[in-house]
């Protein structure tokens, strides 16, 4: 139990430092973790639902919502580019879009939305406590603006653009900004092939 708590604390510290770098508008740094952070079994099980055909699949996870006008489409376009870049290097990888807005993002909407970014992008949709647990596993913060009893459709959501590269065993290996650091991650696919054999 102490080890699990220590791992969670380390992950929180790494994520906090990463978010501070982004918020101060210093060029966001891609962080390749020298000590990969293992996800909890429940989180790994959820991620495995996105591809049941390949146990050796790496995953790129990003959070967002389909009503997002610019940030989420750019993040998903970058994920699509990274899926293709990985395939060029014979790295088996898929992108996973996790909605933070399940009230508006139905399964049907998510399916159509992610298909628009290519075959290598899938989605996950959770509600209530299950969504909270999944977000907490990645330390993702989400803020809803003007969502209330009188406004259930026209509200805005603010969330982190942090993305996570997860190995087939369910360990976070790289943390990066989905908007700013896609080129850096593509370079990792090409220049750090040892990472994908470990």
C-alpha atoms as a PDB file:
ATOM      1  CA  UNK A   1       0.000   0.000   0.000  1.00  0.00           C
ATOM      2  CA  UNK A   2       2.887   2.369   0.803  1.00  0.00           C
ATOM      3  CA  UNK A   3       4.483   1.641  -2.586  1.00  0.00           C
ATOM      4  CA  UNK A   4       1.217   2.445  -4.414  1.00  0.00           C
ATOM      5  CA  UNK A   5       0.938   5.711  -2.470  1.00  0.00           C
ATOM      6  CA  UNK A   6       4.569   6.598  -3.246  1.00  0.00           C
ATOM      7  CA  UNK A   7       4.059   5.922  -6.975  1.00  0.00           C
ATOM      8  CA  UNK A   8       0.921   8.062  -6.962  1.00  0.00           C
ATOM      9  CA  UNK A   9       2.804  10.885  -5.203  1.00  0.00           C
ATOM     10  CA  UNK A  10       5.683  10.713  -7.705  1.00  0.00           C
ATOM     11  CA  UNK A  11       3.241  10.864 -10.600  1.00  0.00           C
ATOM     12  CA  UNK A  12       1.467  13.859  -9.046  1.00  0.00           C
ATOM     13  CA  UNK A  13       4.776  15.695  -8.629  1.00  0.00           C
ATOM     14  CA  UNK A  14       5.851  14.992 -12.224  1.00  0.00           C
ATOM     15  CA  UNK A  15       2.463  16.073 -13.576  1.00  0.00           C
ATOM     16  CA  UNK A  16       2.462  19.246 -11.448  1.00  0.00           C
ATOM     17  CA  UNK A  17       5.923  20.245 -12.674  1.00  0.00           C
ATOM     18  CA  UNK A  18       4.837  19.587 -16.254  1.00  0.00           C
ATOM     19  CA  UNK A  19       1.692  21.718 -15.873  1.00  0.00           C
ATOM     20  CA  UNK A  20       3.671  24.553 -14.266  1.00  0.00           C
ATOM     21  CA  UNK A  21       5.997  24.583 -17.276  1.00  0.00           C
ATOM     22  CA  UNK A  22       3.014  24.841 -19.619  1.00  0.00           C
ATOM     23  CA  UNK A  23       1.242  27.531 -17.582  1.00  0.00           C
ATOM     24  CA  UNK A  24       4.311  29.763 -17.484  1.00  0.00           C
ATOM     25  CA  UNK A  25       4.377  29.531 -21.302  1.00  0.00           C
ATOM     26  CA  UNK A  26       7.888  28.131 -21.381  1.00  0.00           C
ATOM     27  CA  UNK A  27       8.165  25.753 -24.309  1.00  0.00           C
ATOM     28  CA  UNK A  28       6.463  22.629 -22.968  1.00  0.00           C
ATOM     29  CA  UNK A  29       8.991  19.887 -22.424  1.00  0.00           C
ATOM     30  CA  UNK A  30       8.331  16.314 -23.405  1.00  0.00           C
ATOM     31  CA  UNK A  31       9.148  14.183 -20.375  1.00  0.00           C
ATOM     32  CA  UNK A  32      10.424  10.643 -20.920  1.00  0.00           C
ATOM     33  CA  UNK A  33      10.143   9.022 -17.507  1.00  0.00           C
ATOM     34  CA  UNK A  34      13.259   7.198 -16.344  1.00  0.00           C
ATOM     35  CA  UNK A  35      11.013   5.409 -13.838  1.00  0.00           C
ATOM     36  CA  UNK A  36       7.751   4.610 -15.682  1.00  0.00           C
ATOM     37  CA  UNK A  37       4.585   5.131 -13.655  1.00  0.00           C
ATOM     38  CA  UNK A  38       2.389   2.011 -13.478  1.00  0.00           C
ATOM     39  CA  UNK A  39      -1.322   2.600 -13.821  1.00  0.00           C
ATOM     40  CA  UNK A  40      -3.799   0.804 -11.588  1.00  0.00           C
ATOM     41  CA  UNK A  41      -5.261  -2.471 -12.871  1.00  0.00           C
ATOM     42  CA  UNK A  42      -8.725  -0.932 -13.329  1.00  0.00           C
ATOM     43  CA  UNK A  43      -7.309   1.854 -15.540  1.00  0.00           C
ATOM     44  CA  UNK A  44      -5.314  -0.644 -17.617  1.00  0.00           C
ATOM     45  CA  UNK A  45      -8.458  -2.753 -18.109  1.00  0.00           C
ATOM     46  CA  UNK A  46     -10.331   0.292 -19.415  1.00  0.00           C
ATOM     47  CA  UNK A  47      -7.509   1.112 -21.837  1.00  0.00           C
ATOM     48  CA  UNK A  48      -7.388  -2.479 -23.071  1.00  0.00           C
ATOM     49  CA  UNK A  49     -11.051  -2.130 -24.104  1.00  0.00           C
ATOM     50  CA  UNK A  50      -9.966   0.207 -26.910  1.00  0.00           C
ATOM     51  CA  UNK A  51      -8.087  -2.567 -28.732  1.00  0.00           C
ATOM     52  CA  UNK A  52      -8.799  -6.190 -27.915  1.00  0.00           C
ATOM     53  CA  UNK A  53      -6.839  -7.587 -30.869  1.00  0.00           C
ATOM     54  CA  UNK A  54      -3.282  -6.671 -29.907  1.00  0.00           C
ATOM     55  CA  UNK A  55      -1.679  -7.156 -26.501  1.00  0.00           C
ATOM     56  CA  UNK A  56       1.511  -5.352 -27.641  1.00  0.00           C
ATOM     57  CA  UNK A  57      -0.254  -2.092 -28.427  1.00  0.00           C
ATOM     58  CA  UNK A  58       1.155   1.173 -27.092  1.00  0.00           C
ATOM     59  CA  UNK A  59      -1.432   3.850 -26.341  1.00  0.00           C
ATOM     60  CA  UNK A  60      -1.461   7.632 -26.630  1.00  0.00           C
ATOM     61  CA  UNK A  61      -4.123   9.008 -24.296  1.00  0.00           C
ATOM     62  CA  UNK A  62      -5.566  12.514 -24.476  1.00  0.00           C
ATOM     63  CA  UNK A  63      -8.616  14.031 -22.762  1.00  0.00           C
ATOM     64  CA  UNK A  64     -11.157  16.387 -24.322  1.00  0.00           C
ATOM     65  CA  UNK A  65     -14.711  16.816 -25.593  1.00  0.00           C
ATOM     66  CA  UNK A  66     -16.343  16.915 -29.019  1.00  0.00           C
ATOM     67  CA  UNK A  67     -17.865  20.416 -28.687  1.00  0.00           C
ATOM     68  CA  UNK A  68     -14.350  21.844 -28.376  1.00  0.00           C
ATOM     69  CA  UNK A  69     -13.829  24.280 -31.263  1.00  0.00           C
ATOM     70  CA  UNK A  70     -10.053  24.230 -31.756  1.00  0.00           C
ATOM     71  CA  UNK A  71      -7.904  22.654 -29.014  1.00  0.00           C
ATOM     72  CA  UNK A  72      -9.331  19.115 -29.153  1.00  0.00           C
ATOM     73  CA  UNK A  73      -9.385  18.858 -32.962  1.00  0.00           C
ATOM     74  CA  UNK A  74      -5.738  19.980 -33.034  1.00  0.00           C
ATOM     75  CA  UNK A  75      -4.831  17.476 -30.301  1.00  0.00           C
ATOM     76  CA  UNK A  76      -6.533  14.659 -32.201  1.00  0.00           C
ATOM     77  CA  UNK A  77      -4.928  15.691 -35.492  1.00  0.00           C
ATOM     78  CA  UNK A  78      -1.570  15.462 -33.709  1.00  0.00           C
ATOM     79  CA  UNK A  79      -2.493  12.054 -32.276  1.00  0.00           C
ATOM     80  CA  UNK A  80      -3.402  10.878 -35.773  1.00  0.00           C
ATOM     81  CA  UNK A  81      -0.042  12.122 -37.071  1.00  0.00           C
ATOM     82  CA  UNK A  82       1.739  10.292 -34.239  1.00  0.00           C
ATOM     83  CA  UNK A  83      -0.118   7.037 -34.933  1.00  0.00           C
ATOM     84  CA  UNK A  84       1.115   7.237 -38.538  1.00  0.00           C
ATOM     85  CA  UNK A  85       4.650   8.192 -37.453  1.00  0.00           C
ATOM     86  CA  UNK A  86       4.726   5.191 -35.101  1.00  0.00           C
ATOM     87  CA  UNK A  87       3.494   2.863 -37.861  1.00  0.00           C
ATOM     88  CA  UNK A  88       6.346   4.099 -40.089  1.00  0.00           C
ATOM     89  CA  UNK A  89       8.762   2.929 -37.373  1.00  0.00           C
ATOM     90  CA  UNK A  90       6.945  -0.424 -36.910  1.00  0.00           C
ATOM     91  CA  UNK A  91       5.634   0.643 -33.481  1.00  0.00           C
ATOM     92  CA  UNK A  92       2.119  -0.613 -32.774  1.00  0.00           C
ATOM     93  CA  UNK A  93       0.229   2.330 -31.359  1.00  0.00           C
ATOM     94  CA  UNK A  94      -3.280   3.697 -31.158  1.00  0.00           C
ATOM     95  CA  UNK A  95      -4.640   6.998 -29.910  1.00  0.00           C
ATOM     96  CA  UNK A  96      -7.319   7.102 -27.224  1.00  0.00           C
ATOM     97  CA  UNK A  97      -9.599  10.132 -26.861  1.00  0.00           C
ATOM     98  CA  UNK A  98     -11.243  10.228 -23.413  1.00  0.00           C
ATOM     99  CA  UNK A  99     -14.274  12.492 -23.194  1.00  0.00           C
ATOM    100  CA  UNK A 100     -14.573  14.691 -20.124  1.00  0.00           C
ATOM    101  CA  UNK A 101     -18.107  15.701 -21.192  1.00  0.00           C
ATOM    102  CA  UNK A 102     -20.209  12.513 -21.286  1.00  0.00           C
ATOM    103  CA  UNK A 103     -23.484  14.459 -20.961  1.00  0.00           C
ATOM    104  CA  UNK A 104     -23.128  15.736 -24.531  1.00  0.00           C
ATOM    105  CA  UNK A 105     -20.675  13.164 -25.923  1.00  0.00           C
ATOM    106  CA  UNK A 106     -22.769  10.076 -26.589  1.00  0.00           C
ATOM    107  CA  UNK A 107     -21.255   6.842 -27.923  1.00  0.00           C
ATOM    108  CA  UNK A 108     -22.636   7.667 -31.374  1.00  0.00           C
ATOM    109  CA  UNK A 109     -21.171  11.191 -31.387  1.00  0.00           C
ATOM    110  CA  UNK A 110     -17.773   9.947 -30.144  1.00  0.00           C
ATOM    111  CA  UNK A 111     -17.658   7.177 -32.723  1.00  0.00           C
ATOM    112  CA  UNK A 112     -18.274   9.594 -35.602  1.00  0.00           C
ATOM    113  CA  UNK A 113     -15.940  12.235 -34.162  1.00  0.00           C
ATOM    114  CA  UNK A 114     -12.940   9.951 -33.674  1.00  0.00           C
ATOM    115  CA  UNK A 115     -13.425   8.225 -37.050  1.00  0.00           C
ATOM    116  CA  UNK A 116     -12.840  11.606 -38.657  1.00  0.00           C
ATOM    117  CA  UNK A 117      -9.232  11.453 -37.430  1.00  0.00           C
ATOM    118  CA  UNK A 118      -8.423   8.021 -38.850  1.00  0.00           C
ATOM    119  CA  UNK A 119      -8.585   4.338 -37.985  1.00  0.00           C
ATOM    120  CA  UNK A 120      -5.893   4.580 -35.311  1.00  0.00           C
ATOM    121  CA  UNK A 121      -7.971   6.763 -32.977  1.00  0.00           C
ATOM    122  CA  UNK A 122     -10.481   5.237 -30.559  1.00  0.00           C
ATOM    123  CA  UNK A 123     -12.411   6.675 -27.631  1.00  0.00           C
ATOM    124  CA  UNK A 124     -13.463   6.001 -24.061  1.00  0.00           C
ATOM    125  CA  UNK A 125     -16.594   7.336 -22.391  1.00  0.00           C
ATOM    126  CA  UNK A 126     -17.259   7.145 -18.674  1.00  0.00           C
ATOM    127  CA  UNK A 127     -19.858   8.740 -16.431  1.00  0.00           C
ATOM    128  CA  UNK A 128     -19.996   9.842 -12.813  1.00  0.00           C
ATOM    129  CA  UNK A 129     -17.548   8.287 -10.377  1.00  0.00           C
ATOM    130  CA  UNK A 130     -16.046   6.056 -13.031  1.00  0.00           C
ATOM    131  CA  UNK A 131     -15.000   9.142 -15.017  1.00  0.00           C
ATOM    132  CA  UNK A 132     -13.648  10.790 -11.862  1.00  0.00           C
ATOM    133  CA  UNK A 133     -11.525   7.720 -11.062  1.00  0.00           C
ATOM    134  CA  UNK A 134     -10.161   7.580 -14.605  1.00  0.00           C
ATOM    135  CA  UNK A 135      -9.324  11.312 -14.663  1.00  0.00           C
ATOM    136  CA  UNK A 136      -7.684  11.024 -11.241  1.00  0.00           C
ATOM    137  CA  UNK A 137      -5.459   8.197 -12.482  1.00  0.00           C
ATOM    138  CA  UNK A 138      -3.914  10.769 -14.851  1.00  0.00           C
ATOM    139  CA  UNK A 139      -4.304  13.816 -12.555  1.00  0.00           C
ATOM    140  CA  UNK A 140      -6.472  15.553 -15.181  1.00  0.00           C
ATOM    141  CA  UNK A 141      -8.292  18.694 -14.060  1.00  0.00           C
ATOM    142  CA  UNK A 142     -11.534  19.780 -15.738  1.00  0.00           C
ATOM    143  CA  UNK A 143     -13.569  22.960 -15.200  1.00  0.00           C
ATOM    144  CA  UNK A 144     -17.113  23.482 -16.514  1.00  0.00           C
ATOM    145  CA  UNK A 145     -18.217  27.067 -17.184  1.00  0.00           C
ATOM    146  CA  UNK A 146     -21.889  28.124 -17.025  1.00  0.00           C
ATOM    147  CA  UNK A 147     -23.173  24.555 -16.787  1.00  0.00           C
ATOM    148  CA  UNK A 148     -26.227  24.580 -14.528  1.00  0.00           C
ATOM    149  CA  UNK A 149     -29.848  23.449 -14.348  1.00  0.00           C
ATOM    150  CA  UNK A 150     -30.847  26.072 -16.927  1.00  0.00           C
ATOM    151  CA  UNK A 151     -27.926  25.423 -19.250  1.00  0.00           C
ATOM    152  CA  UNK A 152     -27.259  21.787 -20.085  1.00  0.00           C
ATOM    153  CA  UNK A 153     -26.101  22.230 -23.691  1.00  0.00           C
ATOM    154  CA  UNK A 154     -24.269  25.542 -24.298  1.00  0.00           C
ATOM    155  CA  UNK A 155     -21.412  25.513 -21.805  1.00  0.00           C
ATOM    156  CA  UNK A 156     -17.654  25.529 -22.142  1.00  0.00           C
ATOM    157  CA  UNK A 157     -15.171  23.073 -20.658  1.00  0.00           C
ATOM    158  CA  UNK A 158     -11.563  23.848 -19.753  1.00  0.00           C
ATOM    159  CA  UNK A 159      -9.080  20.987 -19.423  1.00  0.00           C
ATOM    160  CA  UNK A 160      -5.415  20.101 -19.674  1.00  0.00           C
ATOM    161  CA  UNK A 161      -3.824  19.301 -23.046  1.00  0.00           C
ATOM    162  CA  UNK A 162      -1.412  16.855 -21.423  1.00  0.00           C
ATOM    163  CA  UNK A 163      -1.099  13.556 -23.296  1.00  0.00           C
ATOM    164  CA  UNK A 164       0.324  10.258 -22.102  1.00  0.00           C
ATOM    165  CA  UNK A 165       2.268   7.554 -23.936  1.00  0.00           C
ATOM    166  CA  UNK A 166       1.568   4.226 -22.244  1.00  0.00           C
ATOM    167  CA  UNK A 167       3.424   0.985 -22.889  1.00  0.00           C
ATOM    168  CA  UNK A 168       1.712  -2.407 -23.398  1.00  0.00           C
ATOM    169  CA  UNK A 169       2.167  -3.304 -19.708  1.00  0.00           C
ATOM    170  CA  UNK A 170       0.202  -0.230 -18.582  1.00  0.00           C
ATOM    171  CA  UNK A 171       3.058   2.058 -17.552  1.00  0.00           C
ATOM    172  CA  UNK A 172       3.207   5.751 -18.447  1.00  0.00           C
ATOM    173  CA  UNK A 173       6.504   6.243 -20.300  1.00  0.00           C
ATOM    174  CA  UNK A 174       6.186   9.746 -21.775  1.00  0.00           C
ATOM    175  CA  UNK A 175       4.182  12.826 -20.758  1.00  0.00           C
ATOM    176  CA  UNK A 176       3.811  15.624 -23.283  1.00  0.00           C
ATOM    177  CA  UNK A 177       1.609  18.467 -24.470  1.00  0.00           C
ATOM    178  CA  UNK A 178      -0.673  17.213 -27.248  1.00  0.00           C
ATOM    179  CA  UNK A 179      -0.656  20.631 -28.937  1.00  0.00           C
ATOM    180  CA  UNK A 180       2.999  21.648 -28.678  1.00  0.00           C
ATOM    181  CA  UNK A 181       5.091  18.501 -28.462  1.00  0.00           C
ATOM    182  CA  UNK A 182       3.850  16.096 -31.156  1.00  0.00           C
ATOM    183  CA  UNK A 183       6.976  16.612 -33.275  1.00  0.00           C
ATOM    184  CA  UNK A 184       9.183  15.810 -30.259  1.00  0.00           C
ATOM    185  CA  UNK A 185       7.274  12.580 -29.665  1.00  0.00           C
ATOM    186  CA  UNK A 186       7.525  11.616 -33.341  1.00  0.00           C
ATOM    187  CA  UNK A 187      11.286  12.088 -32.997  1.00  0.00           C
ATOM    188  CA  UNK A 188      11.285   9.688 -30.025  1.00  0.00           C
ATOM    189  CA  UNK A 189       9.726   7.019 -32.271  1.00  0.00           C
ATOM    190  CA  UNK A 190      12.602   7.424 -34.705  1.00  0.00           C
ATOM    191  CA  UNK A 191      15.558   8.091 -32.383  1.00  0.00           C
ATOM    192  CA  UNK A 192      14.720   6.103 -29.240  1.00  0.00           C
ATOM    193  CA  UNK A 193      13.727   2.691 -30.553  1.00  0.00           C
ATOM    194  CA  UNK A 194      15.114   1.031 -27.437  1.00  0.00           C
ATOM    195  CA  UNK A 195      12.220   2.508 -25.447  1.00  0.00           C
ATOM    196  CA  UNK A 196       9.785   0.405 -27.489  1.00  0.00           C
ATOM    197  CA  UNK A 197      11.685  -2.815 -26.946  1.00  0.00           C
ATOM    198  CA  UNK A 198      11.990  -2.501 -23.157  1.00  0.00           C
END
